[in-house]
Each structure stands twice: as structure tokens, then as C-alpha cells.
Amino acid sequence: MRADWNCSVRHIFREQNCAANALAAKSFEFDPALQIFDKVPPFLVDILAADACGVSRPRFFSA
């Protein structure tokens, strides 16, 4: 980011990116090397289908 690039960093809530959140939660089960999936892992099928349909997810937080 110190190079002559135009970069931005934004926070994305886990409810807005459930697939990335699910991958992060399962990451401890993977080898520490790069993981490449030839097909969608079973735990992501429903998440990606809901995302493709535009299902919205509310953000819950405790006060």
C-alpha cells in the first residue's frame, strides 16, 4: 500500500459476506497452505445459494 497505488480499505460486516465468514470459520480444518477448491465445499452451498437469491441478513449486536 506504500507503492504508488490507489488503494482503499473498507470494513465489511460478516452478515454482508457470509461466504468469507464461513471460510474463515472453517479455516482451522484446512492445511495452512493455499487452498483451491475444484467445486463448492458442502458447507458453502446454502450460503452461496442464499446470496445469489439476494437474501438479506440482519445485523445483530448486543448493547
PDB file of N, CA and C in Angstrom:
ATOM      1  N   MET A   1       0.814  -1.192   0.000  1.00  0.00           N
ATOM      2  CA  MET A   1       0.000   0.000   0.000  1.00  0.00           C
ATOM      3  C   MET A   1       0.861   1.261   0.000  1.00  0.00           C
ATOM      4  N   ARG A   2       2.136   1.090   0.247  1.00  0.00           N
ATOM      5  CA  ARG A   2       3.027   2.249   0.226  1.00  0.00           C
ATOM      6  C   ARG A   2       3.483   2.604  -1.176  1.00  0.00           C
ATOM      7  N   ALA A   3       3.270   1.710  -2.125  1.00  0.00           N
ATOM      8  CA  ALA A   3       3.649   1.985  -3.512  1.00  0.00           C
ATOM      9  C   ALA A   3       2.713   3.054  -4.084  1.00  0.00           C
ATOM     10  N   ASP A   4       2.943   3.416  -5.307  1.00  0.00           N
ATOM     11  CA  ASP A   4       2.147   4.459  -5.944  1.00  0.00           C
ATOM     12  C   ASP A   4       0.847   3.872  -6.487  1.00  0.00           C
ATOM     13  N   TRP A   5       0.050   3.302  -5.601  1.00  0.00           N
ATOM     14  CA  TRP A   5      -1.206   2.683  -5.964  1.00  0.00           C
ATOM     15  C   TRP A   5      -2.352   3.478  -5.369  1.00  0.00           C
ATOM     16  N   ASN A   6      -3.508   3.288  -5.900  1.00  0.00           N
ATOM     17  CA  ASN A   6      -4.717   3.874  -5.342  1.00  0.00           C
ATOM     18  C   ASN A   6      -5.466   2.750  -4.632  1.00  0.00           C
ATOM     19  N   CYS A   7      -5.382   2.693  -3.312  1.00  0.00           N
ATOM     20  CA  CYS A   7      -5.969   1.603  -2.528  1.00  0.00           C
ATOM     21  C   CYS A   7      -6.972   2.156  -1.533  1.00  0.00           C
ATOM     22  N   SER A   8      -7.912   1.323  -1.175  1.00  0.00           N
ATOM     23  CA  SER A   8      -8.837   1.669  -0.092  1.00  0.00           C
ATOM     24  C   SER A   8      -9.103   0.413   0.721  1.00  0.00           C
ATOM     25  N   VAL A   9      -9.406   0.603   1.989  1.00  0.00           N
ATOM     26  CA  VAL A   9      -9.716  -0.494   2.894  1.00  0.00           C
ATOM     27  C   VAL A   9     -11.075  -0.190   3.512  1.00  0.00           C
ATOM     28  N   ARG A  10     -11.977  -1.141   3.420  1.00  0.00           N
ATOM     29  CA  ARG A  10     -13.304  -0.952   3.999  1.00  0.00           C
ATOM     30  C   ARG A  10     -13.639  -2.139   4.890  1.00  0.00           C
ATOM     31  N   HIS A  11     -14.353  -1.857   5.965  1.00  0.00           N
ATOM     32  CA  HIS A  11     -14.845  -2.919   6.837  1.00  0.00           C
ATOM     33  C   HIS A  11     -16.148  -3.446   6.266  1.00  0.00           C
ATOM     34  N   ILE A  12     -16.253  -4.750   6.151  1.00  0.00           N
ATOM     35  CA  ILE A  12     -17.481  -5.399   5.692  1.00  0.00           C
ATOM     36  C   ILE A  12     -17.964  -6.293   6.820  1.00  0.00           C
ATOM     37  N   PHE A  13     -19.199  -6.088   7.263  1.00  0.00           N
ATOM     38  CA  PHE A  13     -19.756  -6.924   8.325  1.00  0.00           C
ATOM     39  C   PHE A  13     -19.910  -8.355   7.839  1.00  0.00           C
ATOM     40  N   ARG A  14     -19.757  -9.308   8.742  1.00  0.00           N
ATOM     41  CA  ARG A  14     -19.836 -10.724   8.367  1.00  0.00           C
ATOM     42  C   ARG A  14     -21.174 -11.078   7.747  1.00  0.00           C
ATOM     43  N   GLU A  15     -22.249 -10.390   8.137  1.00  0.00           N
ATOM     44  CA  GLU A  15     -23.564 -10.666   7.561  1.00  0.00           C
ATOM     45  C   GLU A  15     -23.620 -10.280   6.092  1.00  0.00           C
ATOM     46  N   GLN A  16     -22.764  -9.394   5.659  1.00  0.00           N
ATOM     47  CA  GLN A  16     -22.732  -8.978   4.263  1.00  0.00           C
ATOM     48  C   GLN A  16     -21.828  -9.869   3.423  1.00  0.00           C
ATOM     49  N   ASN A  17     -21.011 -10.683   4.043  1.00  0.00           N
ATOM     50  CA  ASN A  17     -20.128 -11.578   3.314  1.00  0.00           C
ATOM     51  C   ASN A  17     -20.055 -12.911   4.046  1.00  0.00           C
ATOM     52  N   CYS A  18     -21.186 -13.602   4.056  1.00  0.00           N
ATOM     53  CA  CYS A  18     -21.295 -14.858   4.793  1.00  0.00           C
ATOM     54  C   CYS A  18     -20.364 -15.945   4.260  1.00  0.00           C
ATOM     55  N   ALA A  19     -20.104 -15.943   2.956  1.00  0.00           N
ATOM     56  CA  ALA A  19     -19.215 -16.962   2.391  1.00  0.00           C
ATOM     57  C   ALA A  19     -17.799 -16.801   2.941  1.00  0.00           C
ATOM     58  N   ALA A  20     -17.299 -15.578   2.964  1.00  0.00           N
ATOM     59  CA  ALA A  20     -15.961 -15.342   3.512  1.00  0.00           C
ATOM     60  C   ALA A  20     -15.922 -15.667   4.997  1.00  0.00           C
ATOM     61  N   ASN A  21     -16.985 -15.332   5.717  1.00  0.00           N
ATOM     62  CA  ASN A  21     -17.048 -15.632   7.144  1.00  0.00           C
ATOM     63  C   ASN A  21     -17.045 -17.143   7.384  1.00  0.00           C
ATOM     64  N   ALA A  22     -17.798 -17.880   6.571  1.00  0.00           N
ATOM     65  CA  ALA A  22     -17.831 -19.341   6.718  1.00  0.00           C
ATOM     66  C   ALA A  22     -16.472 -19.955   6.391  1.00  0.00           C
ATOM     67  N   LEU A  23     -15.809 -19.458   5.357  1.00  0.00           N
ATOM     68  CA  LEU A  23     -14.469 -19.953   5.027  1.00  0.00           C
ATOM     69  C   LEU A  23     -13.481 -19.662   6.151  1.00  0.00           C
ATOM     70  N   ALA A  24     -13.570 -18.474   6.723  1.00  0.00           N
ATOM     71  CA  ALA A  24     -12.675 -18.129   7.830  1.00  0.00           C
ATOM     72  C   ALA A  24     -12.937 -19.013   9.039  1.00  0.00           C
ATOM     73  N   ALA A  25     -14.201 -19.284   9.326  1.00  0.00           N
ATOM     74  CA  ALA A  25     -14.548 -20.125  10.474  1.00  0.00           C
ATOM     75  C   ALA A  25     -14.060 -21.560  10.290  1.00  0.00           C
ATOM     76  N   LYS A  26     -14.061 -22.044   9.057  1.00  0.00           N
ATOM     77  CA  LYS A  26     -13.620 -23.416   8.771  1.00  0.00           C
ATOM     78  C   LYS A  26     -12.118 -23.522   8.512  1.00  0.00           C
ATOM     79  N   SER A  27     -11.430 -22.409   8.433  1.00  0.00           N
ATOM     80  CA  SER A  27     -10.029 -22.410   8.014  1.00  0.00           C
ATOM     81  C   SER A  27      -9.130 -23.256   8.913  1.00  0.00           C
ATOM     82  N   PHE A  28      -9.486 -23.408  10.166  1.00  0.00           N
ATOM     83  CA  PHE A  28      -8.653 -24.225  11.064  1.00  0.00           C
ATOM     84  C   PHE A  28      -8.657 -25.693  10.662  1.00  0.00           C
ATOM     85  N   GLU A  29      -9.622 -26.110   9.848  1.00  0.00           N
ATOM     86  CA  GLU A  29      -9.697 -27.501   9.393  1.00  0.00           C
ATOM     87  C   GLU A  29      -8.851 -27.757   8.147  1.00  0.00           C
ATOM     88  N   PHE A  30      -8.395 -26.693   7.493  1.00  0.00           N
ATOM     89  CA  PHE A  30      -7.616 -26.818   6.270  1.00  0.00           C
ATOM     90  C   PHE A  30      -6.127 -26.855   6.580  1.00  0.00           C
ATOM     91  N   ASP A  31      -5.347 -27.364   5.620  1.00  0.00           N
ATOM     92  CA  ASP A  31      -3.896 -27.262   5.720  1.00  0.00           C
ATOM     93  C   ASP A  31      -3.520 -25.785   5.673  1.00  0.00           C
ATOM     94  N   PRO A  32      -2.380 -25.405   6.262  1.00  0.00           N
ATOM     95  CA  PRO A  32      -2.007 -23.986   6.265  1.00  0.00           C
ATOM     96  C   PRO A  32      -1.592 -23.447   4.887  1.00  0.00           C
ATOM     97  N   ALA A  33      -1.434 -24.303   3.912  1.00  0.00           N
ATOM     98  CA  ALA A  33      -1.038 -23.863   2.566  1.00  0.00           C
ATOM     99  C   ALA A  33      -2.253 -23.313   1.811  1.00  0.00           C
ATOM    100  N   LEU A  34      -2.022 -22.798   0.634  1.00  0.00           N
ATOM    101  CA  LEU A  34      -3.078 -22.277  -0.224  1.00  0.00           C
ATOM    102  C   LEU A  34      -4.106 -23.370  -0.507  1.00  0.00           C
ATOM    103  N   GLN A  35      -5.379 -23.025  -0.395  1.00  0.00           N
ATOM    104  CA  GLN A  35      -6.460 -23.977  -0.670  1.00  0.00           C
ATOM    105  C   GLN A  35      -7.168 -23.565  -1.951  1.00  0.00           C
ATOM    106  N   ILE A  36      -7.294 -24.484  -2.874  1.00  0.00           N
ATOM    107  CA  ILE A  36      -8.024 -24.249  -4.116  1.00  0.00           C
ATOM    108  C   ILE A  36      -9.118 -25.307  -4.202  1.00  0.00           C
ATOM    109  N   PHE A  37     -10.357 -24.850  -4.345  1.00  0.00           N
ATOM    110  CA  PHE A  37     -11.494 -25.769  -4.400  1.00  0.00           C
ATOM    111  C   PHE A  37     -11.915 -25.965  -5.851  1.00  0.00           C
ATOM    112  N   ASP A  38     -12.009 -27.231  -6.306  1.00  0.00           N
ATOM    113  CA  ASP A  38     -12.482 -27.546  -7.648  1.00  0.00           C
ATOM    114  C   ASP A  38     -13.997 -27.423  -7.744  1.00  0.00           C
ATOM    115  N   LYS A  39     -14.668 -27.621  -6.623  1.00  0.00           N
ATOM    116  CA  LYS A  39     -16.113 -27.432  -6.558  1.00  0.00           C
ATOM    117  C   LYS A  39     -16.455 -26.807  -5.213  1.00  0.00           C
ATOM    118  N   VAL A  40     -17.650 -26.322  -5.104  1.00  0.00           N
ATOM    119  CA  VAL A  40     -18.078 -25.617  -3.883  1.00  0.00           C
ATOM    120  C   VAL A  40     -18.093 -26.596  -2.712  1.00  0.00           C
ATOM    121  N   PRO A  41     -17.417 -26.240  -1.614  1.00  0.00           N
ATOM    122  CA  PRO A  41     -17.473 -27.103  -0.428  1.00  0.00           C
ATOM    123  C   PRO A  41     -18.914 -27.191   0.092  1.00  0.00           C
ATOM    124  N   PRO A  42     -19.322 -28.340   0.600  1.00  0.00           N
ATOM    125  CA  PRO A  42     -20.710 -28.524   1.047  1.00  0.00           C
ATOM    126  C   PRO A  42     -21.193 -27.460   2.046  1.00  0.00           C
ATOM    127  N   PHE A  43     -20.329 -26.992   2.911  1.00  0.00           N
ATOM    128  CA  PHE A  43     -20.762 -26.013   3.903  1.00  0.00           C
ATOM    129  C   PHE A  43     -21.059 -24.637   3.295  1.00  0.00           C
ATOM    130  N   LEU A  44     -20.685 -24.425   2.027  1.00  0.00           N
ATOM    131  CA  LEU A  44     -20.940 -23.146   1.369  1.00  0.00           C
ATOM    132  C   LEU A  44     -22.132 -23.162   0.405  1.00  0.00           C
ATOM    133  N   VAL A  45     -22.652 -24.322   0.100  1.00  0.00           N
ATOM    134  CA  VAL A  45     -23.705 -24.434  -0.908  1.00  0.00           C
ATOM    135  C   VAL A  45     -24.907 -23.566  -0.563  1.00  0.00           C
ATOM    136  N   ASP A  46     -25.472 -23.722   0.629  1.00  0.00           N
ATOM    137  CA  ASP A  46     -26.659 -22.960   1.016  1.00  0.00           C
ATOM    138  C   ASP A  46     -26.360 -21.471   1.149  1.00  0.00           C
ATOM    139  N   ILE A  47     -25.183 -21.149   1.643  1.00  0.00           N
ATOM    140  CA  ILE A  47     -24.798 -19.741   1.812  1.00  0.00           C
ATOM    141  C   ILE A  47     -24.718 -19.050   0.465  1.00  0.00           C
ATOM    142  N   LEU A  48     -24.079 -19.688  -0.512  1.00  0.00           N
ATOM    143  CA  LEU A  48     -23.955 -19.094  -1.844  1.00  0.00           C
ATOM    144  C   LEU A  48     -25.299 -19.034  -2.563  1.00  0.00           C
ATOM    145  N   ALA A  49     -26.151 -20.042  -2.357  1.00  0.00           N
ATOM    146  CA  ALA A  49     -27.482 -20.028  -2.970  1.00  0.00           C
ATOM    147  C   ALA A  49     -28.310 -18.870  -2.415  1.00  0.00           C
ATOM    148  N   ALA A  50     -28.262 -18.661  -1.115  1.00  0.00           N
ATOM    149  CA  ALA A  50     -28.994 -17.547  -0.500  1.00  0.00           C
ATOM    150  C   ALA A  50     -28.456 -16.215  -0.998  1.00  0.00           C
ATOM    151  N   ASP A  51     -27.154 -16.118  -1.148  1.00  0.00           N
ATOM    152  CA  ASP A  51     -26.540 -14.892  -1.643  1.00  0.00           C
ATOM    153  C   ASP A  51     -26.980 -14.612  -3.085  1.00  0.00           C
ATOM    154  N   ALA A  52     -27.023 -15.642  -3.901  1.00  0.00           N
ATOM    155  CA  ALA A  52     -27.431 -15.485  -5.295  1.00  0.00           C
ATOM    156  C   ALA A  52     -28.892 -15.036  -5.410  1.00  0.00           C
ATOM    157  N   CYS A  53     -29.707 -15.430  -4.440  1.00  0.00           N
ATOM    158  CA  CYS A  53     -31.125 -15.042  -4.439  1.00  0.00           C
ATOM    159  C   CYS A  53     -31.349 -13.668  -3.812  1.00  0.00           C
ATOM    160  N   GLY A  54     -30.315 -13.084  -3.259  1.00  0.00           N
ATOM    161  CA  GLY A  54     -30.433 -11.757  -2.652  1.00  0.00           C
ATOM    162  C   GLY A  54     -31.018 -11.757  -1.253  1.00  0.00           C
ATOM    163  N   VAL A  55     -30.903 -12.865  -0.548  1.00  0.00           N
ATOM    164  CA  VAL A  55     -31.408 -12.946   0.819  1.00  0.00           C
ATOM    165  C   VAL A  55     -30.640 -11.955   1.696  1.00  0.00           C
ATOM    166  N   SER A  56     -31.372 -11.124   2.411  1.00  0.00           N
ATOM    167  CA  SER A  56     -30.704 -10.167   3.304  1.00  0.00           C
ATOM    168  C   SER A  56     -30.604 -10.774   4.702  1.00  0.00           C
ATOM    169  N   ARG A  57     -29.571 -10.406   5.395  1.00  0.00           N
ATOM    170  CA  ARG A  57     -29.339 -10.921   6.746  1.00  0.00           C
ATOM    171  C   ARG A  57     -29.228  -9.741   7.697  1.00  0.00           C
ATOM    172  N   PRO A  58     -30.032  -9.732   8.745  1.00  0.00           N
ATOM    173  CA  PRO A  58     -29.969  -8.616   9.687  1.00  0.00           C
ATOM    174  C   PRO A  58     -28.677  -8.656  10.499  1.00  0.00           C
ATOM    175  N   ARG A  59     -28.225  -7.513  10.908  1.00  0.00           N
ATOM    176  CA  ARG A  59     -27.032  -7.402  11.761  1.00  0.00           C
ATOM    177  C   ARG A  59     -27.486  -7.361  13.201  1.00  0.00           C
ATOM    178  N   PHE A  60     -27.110  -8.365  13.983  1.00  0.00           N
ATOM    179  CA  PHE A  60     -27.439  -8.414  15.404  1.00  0.00           C
ATOM    180  C   PHE A  60     -26.222  -8.005  16.212  1.00  0.00           C
ATOM    181  N   PHE A  61     -26.455  -7.250  17.233  1.00  0.00           N
ATOM    182  CA  PHE A  61     -25.368  -6.864  18.141  1.00  0.00           C
ATOM    183  C   PHE A  61     -25.927  -6.678  19.533  1.00  0.00           C
ATOM    184  N   SER A  62     -25.078  -6.854  20.512  1.00  0.00           N
ATOM    185  CA  SER A  62     -25.510  -6.687  21.903  1.00  0.00           C
ATOM    186  C   SER A  62     -25.048  -5.323  22.396  1.00  0.00           C
ATOM    187  N   ALA A  63     -25.890  -4.705  23.170  1.00  0.00           N
ATOM    188  CA  ALA A  63     -25.571  -3.368  23.673  1.00  0.00           C
ATOM    189  C   ALA A  63     -24.877  -3.446  25.017  1.00  0.00           C
TER     190      ALA A  63
END
